[in-house]
Amino acid sequence: MSRVLLSMSVLLLILIPACSSSEPVPPPTNSELVTSAKQDVLEFVASAKKAPKASKQQGMVLFESLEPIEDPALAELQATAKSLSEQYTSNAEASKISETLTKLQQQAEAL
């Protein structure tokens, strides 16, 4: 969770000064968003494997952070993150969650 929050904090630190600056700052490119999403997913999966019970909230935050990114390269990853979020919400079996985490990791590594 701390890595996801750190990534989000970094984005805010970039955006807040940009909002007060008189110079326009271009938004991140799709490539930058995909790279950041990949890193966030891999860090989340590693964290979730170490502390599965603590990863429920992080999984939901991860899904919410991936959802608004509109890039076809992330479509499968977003669908798997959504599935994981739903599994956490429904208190799915640990084995099912583990399978989904593995799938999420494989998809992120393929980016």
Protein backbone atom coordinates (compact mmCIF):
# COMPACT_ATOMS: atom_id res chain seq x y z
CA MET A 1 0.00 0.00 0.00
CA SER A 2 2.79 2.38 0.82
CA ARG A 3 4.23 2.05 -2.69
CA VAL A 4 0.86 2.81 -4.28
CA LEU A 5 0.38 5.76 -1.96
CA LEU A 6 3.93 6.88 -2.67
CA SER A 7 3.28 6.78 -6.42
CA MET A 8 0.08 8.74 -5.97
CA SER A 9 1.89 11.24 -3.73
CA VAL A 10 4.58 11.74 -6.33
CA LEU A 11 1.93 12.46 -8.94
CA LEU A 12 0.33 14.99 -6.61
CA LEU A 13 3.68 16.63 -5.93
CA ILE A 14 4.14 17.01 -9.67
CA LEU A 15 0.62 18.25 -10.32
CA ILE A 16 0.24 20.75 -7.46
CA PRO A 17 3.21 22.95 -8.41
CA ALA A 18 2.17 22.63 -12.04
CA CYS A 19 -1.24 24.03 -11.18
CA SER A 20 0.29 27.10 -9.58
CA SER A 21 2.90 27.59 -12.26
CA SER A 22 2.34 30.02 -15.10
CA GLU A 23 3.97 27.61 -17.54
CA PRO A 24 1.80 24.81 -18.88
CA VAL A 25 2.92 21.33 -17.95
CA PRO A 26 1.98 18.58 -20.34
CA PRO A 27 0.04 15.64 -18.91
CA PRO A 28 1.86 12.32 -18.62
CA THR A 29 2.02 10.35 -21.83
CA ASN A 30 0.26 7.01 -22.19
CA SER A 31 3.67 5.35 -22.16
CA GLU A 32 4.48 6.97 -18.81
CA LEU A 33 1.10 5.93 -17.40
CA VAL A 34 1.57 2.33 -18.56
CA THR A 35 5.07 2.18 -17.08
CA SER A 36 3.81 3.59 -13.78
CA ALA A 37 0.87 1.17 -13.74
CA LYS A 38 3.19 -1.76 -14.39
CA GLN A 39 5.44 -0.76 -11.49
CA ASP A 40 2.47 -0.20 -9.16
CA VAL A 41 0.98 -3.60 -10.00
CA LEU A 42 4.26 -5.46 -9.52
CA GLU A 43 4.85 -3.74 -6.18
CA PHE A 44 1.29 -4.49 -5.10
CA VAL A 45 1.56 -8.18 -6.00
CA ALA A 46 4.83 -8.51 -4.09
CA SER A 47 3.28 -6.81 -1.07
CA ALA A 48 0.08 -8.89 -1.30
CA LYS A 49 2.05 -12.13 -1.39
CA LYS A 50 3.92 -11.12 1.78
CA ALA A 51 0.84 -9.92 3.67
CA PRO A 52 -2.32 -11.28 2.01
CA LYS A 53 -4.75 -10.12 4.70
CA ALA A 54 -3.47 -6.55 4.57
CA SER A 55 -3.73 -6.36 0.79
CA LYS A 56 -7.52 -6.09 0.52
CA GLN A 57 -7.63 -2.28 0.76
CA GLN A 58 -4.54 -1.94 -1.41
CA GLY A 59 -6.17 -4.05 -4.12
CA MET A 60 -9.18 -1.79 -4.22
CA VAL A 61 -6.96 1.31 -4.37
CA LEU A 62 -4.94 -0.30 -7.17
CA PHE A 63 -8.09 -0.98 -9.20
CA GLU A 64 -9.30 2.58 -8.68
CA SER A 65 -5.94 3.98 -9.80
CA LEU A 66 -5.87 1.83 -12.97
CA GLU A 67 -9.50 2.32 -13.96
CA PRO A 68 -9.28 5.86 -15.43
CA ILE A 69 -6.25 5.12 -17.63
CA GLU A 70 -7.48 4.74 -21.19
CA ASP A 71 -4.88 2.65 -22.97
CA PRO A 72 -5.57 -0.60 -24.82
CA ALA A 73 -2.32 -2.04 -23.45
CA LEU A 74 -3.86 -1.98 -19.96
CA ALA A 75 -7.27 -3.44 -20.82
CA GLU A 76 -6.54 -6.99 -19.62
CA LEU A 77 -4.67 -5.73 -16.57
CA GLN A 78 -7.59 -3.47 -15.65
CA ALA A 79 -10.07 -6.35 -16.05
CA THR A 80 -7.96 -8.59 -13.81
CA ALA A 81 -7.57 -5.82 -11.21
CA LYS A 82 -11.34 -5.36 -11.26
CA SER A 83 -11.82 -9.10 -10.78
CA LEU A 84 -9.38 -9.04 -7.85
CA SER A 85 -11.22 -6.11 -6.29
CA GLU A 86 -14.50 -8.01 -6.60
CA GLN A 87 -12.89 -11.10 -5.06
CA TYR A 88 -11.71 -9.05 -2.09
CA THR A 89 -15.17 -7.53 -1.70
CA SER A 90 -16.85 -10.94 -1.76
CA ASN A 91 -14.24 -12.49 0.58
CA ALA A 92 -13.24 -15.08 -2.02
CA GLU A 93 -11.07 -18.05 -1.10
CA ALA A 94 -7.38 -17.36 -0.64
CA SER A 95 -6.50 -19.79 -3.45
CA LYS A 96 -8.69 -17.89 -5.93
CA ILE A 97 -7.14 -14.57 -4.90
CA SER A 98 -3.67 -16.10 -5.23
CA GLU A 99 -4.47 -17.25 -8.78
CA THR A 100 -5.66 -13.77 -9.69
CA LEU A 101 -2.53 -12.19 -8.18
CA THR A 102 -0.36 -14.50 -10.28
CA LYS A 103 -2.33 -13.59 -13.40
CA LEU A 104 -2.03 -9.89 -12.56
CA GLN A 105 1.73 -10.24 -12.13
CA GLN A 106 2.11 -12.05 -15.45
CA GLN A 107 0.08 -9.40 -17.25
CA ALA A 108 2.14 -6.59 -15.72
CA GLU A 109 5.41 -8.30 -16.61
CA ALA A 110 4.21 -8.63 -20.21
CA LEU A 111 3.77 -4.85 -20.58
